[in-house]
Amino acid sequence: MATSLTACSTAGDILSFSDVRPWERGTLARDDMQLVNDALEQSVDDHIYFSKEASTGGSSVQGGGCGCN
C-alpha cells in the first residue's frame, strides 16, 4: 500500500506542469536553448518542408495550399 502511494506521489510530481515565470523566459530564449539556432538552416528546412507539402503556413505568407506563392 505504501509503495503504491509513493509511486502515485512520484508520478504526480513528474507529470505536474508549472508556469514559466518572467525571469525564467530569458534562459529559455537563449540561442543555445533553441532546437535549431541557425536562422539560415531553419529557413532552408522550412522551404523544403513547405515545398514538399505544397503549402505554406506559420511564416506570415498567405497561400492557398497549391504551392504557387
C-alpha atoms as a PDB file:
ATOM      1  CA  MET A   1       0.000   0.000   0.000  1.00  0.00           C
ATOM      2  CA  ALA A   2       2.760   2.438   0.940  1.00  0.00           C
ATOM      3  CA  THR A   3       4.654   1.582  -2.236  1.00  0.00           C
ATOM      4  CA  SER A   4       1.676   2.400  -4.449  1.00  0.00           C
ATOM      5  CA  LEU A   5       1.121   5.704  -2.645  1.00  0.00           C
ATOM      6  CA  THR A   6       4.778   6.605  -3.092  1.00  0.00           C
ATOM      7  CA  ALA A   7       4.605   5.663  -6.782  1.00  0.00           C
ATOM      8  CA  CYS A   8       1.490   7.803  -7.291  1.00  0.00           C
ATOM      9  CA  SER A   9       3.094  10.715  -5.485  1.00  0.00           C
ATOM     10  CA  THR A  10       6.264  10.440  -7.570  1.00  0.00           C
ATOM     11  CA  ALA A  11       4.283  10.156 -10.821  1.00  0.00           C
ATOM     12  CA  GLY A  12       2.265  13.222  -9.837  1.00  0.00           C
ATOM     13  CA  ASP A  13       5.437  15.204  -9.205  1.00  0.00           C
ATOM     14  CA  ILE A  14       6.950  14.177 -12.541  1.00  0.00           C
ATOM     15  CA  LEU A  15       3.812  14.924 -14.556  1.00  0.00           C
ATOM     16  CA  SER A  16       2.995  18.247 -12.922  1.00  0.00           C
ATOM     17  CA  PHE A  17       3.434  21.328 -15.066  1.00  0.00           C
ATOM     18  CA  SER A  18       4.224  24.790 -13.838  1.00  0.00           C
ATOM     19  CA  ASP A  19       4.009  28.161 -15.498  1.00  0.00           C
ATOM     20  CA  VAL A  20       7.150  29.733 -16.889  1.00  0.00           C
ATOM     21  CA  ARG A  21       7.915  32.788 -14.796  1.00  0.00           C
ATOM     22  CA  PRO A  22       9.032  36.031 -16.490  1.00  0.00           C
ATOM     23  CA  TRP A  23      12.555  35.742 -15.060  1.00  0.00           C
ATOM     24  CA  GLU A  24      12.859  32.202 -16.489  1.00  0.00           C
ATOM     25  CA  ARG A  25      11.961  33.228 -20.028  1.00  0.00           C
ATOM     26  CA  GLY A  26      15.343  34.815 -20.635  1.00  0.00           C
ATOM     27  CA  THR A  27      17.026  31.474 -20.014  1.00  0.00           C
ATOM     28  CA  LEU A  28      14.672  29.632 -22.351  1.00  0.00           C
ATOM     29  CA  ALA A  29      15.054  32.274 -25.086  1.00  0.00           C
ATOM     30  CA  ARG A  30      18.844  31.905 -25.358  1.00  0.00           C
ATOM     31  CA  ASP A  31      20.175  30.814 -28.757  1.00  0.00           C
ATOM     32  CA  ASP A  32      21.715  27.647 -27.342  1.00  0.00           C
ATOM     33  CA  MET A  33      18.307  26.595 -25.964  1.00  0.00           C
ATOM     34  CA  GLN A  34      16.630  26.639 -29.399  1.00  0.00           C
ATOM     35  CA  LEU A  35      16.035  23.422 -31.339  1.00  0.00           C
ATOM     36  CA  VAL A  36      17.704  24.969 -34.381  1.00  0.00           C
ATOM     37  CA  ASN A  37      19.794  28.001 -33.522  1.00  0.00           C
ATOM     38  CA  ASP A  38      20.842  28.802 -37.101  1.00  0.00           C
ATOM     39  CA  ALA A  39      18.276  31.014 -38.846  1.00  0.00           C
ATOM     40  CA  LEU A  40      19.530  30.113 -42.346  1.00  0.00           C
ATOM     41  CA  GLU A  41      19.293  26.393 -41.627  1.00  0.00           C
ATOM     42  CA  GLN A  42      15.755  26.829 -40.279  1.00  0.00           C
ATOM     43  CA  SER A  43      14.758  28.850 -43.353  1.00  0.00           C
ATOM     44  CA  VAL A  44      16.075  26.176 -45.726  1.00  0.00           C
ATOM     45  CA  ASP A  45      14.376  23.410 -43.730  1.00  0.00           C
ATOM     46  CA  ASP A  46      11.067  25.324 -43.807  1.00  0.00           C
ATOM     47  CA  HIS A  47      11.387  25.902 -47.559  1.00  0.00           C
ATOM     48  CA  ILE A  48      11.992  22.198 -48.204  1.00  0.00           C
ATOM     49  CA  TYR A  49       9.155  21.119 -45.904  1.00  0.00           C
ATOM     50  CA  PHE A  50       6.580  23.507 -47.331  1.00  0.00           C
ATOM     51  CA  SER A  51       7.662  22.703 -50.901  1.00  0.00           C
ATOM     52  CA  LYS A  52       7.073  19.006 -50.258  1.00  0.00           C
ATOM     53  CA  GLU A  53       3.757  19.682 -48.544  1.00  0.00           C
ATOM     54  CA  ALA A  54       2.693  22.116 -51.292  1.00  0.00           C
ATOM     55  CA  SER A  55       1.500  24.533 -48.660  1.00  0.00           C
ATOM     56  CA  THR A  56       2.778  27.446 -46.644  1.00  0.00           C
ATOM     57  CA  GLY A  57       1.841  28.295 -43.114  1.00  0.00           C
ATOM     58  CA  GLY A  58       3.125  29.755 -39.919  1.00  0.00           C
ATOM     59  CA  SER A  59       5.544  32.102 -41.627  1.00  0.00           C
ATOM     60  CA  SER A  60       3.226  35.050 -42.394  1.00  0.00           C
ATOM     61  CA  VAL A  61       2.938  34.128 -46.064  1.00  0.00           C
ATOM     62  CA  GLN A  62      -0.560  33.621 -47.345  1.00  0.00           C
ATOM     63  CA  GLY A  63      -1.170  30.879 -49.820  1.00  0.00           C
ATOM     64  CA  GLY A  64      -3.926  28.628 -50.989  1.00  0.00           C
ATOM     65  CA  GLY A  65      -2.106  25.373 -50.386  1.00  0.00           C
ATOM     66  CA  CYS A  66      -1.223  24.942 -54.047  1.00  0.00           C
ATOM     67  CA  GLY A  67       2.460  25.812 -53.553  1.00  0.00           C
ATOM     68  CA  CYS A  68       2.352  28.717 -56.013  1.00  0.00           C
ATOM     69  CA  ASN A  69       3.110  31.508 -53.562  1.00  0.00           C
END
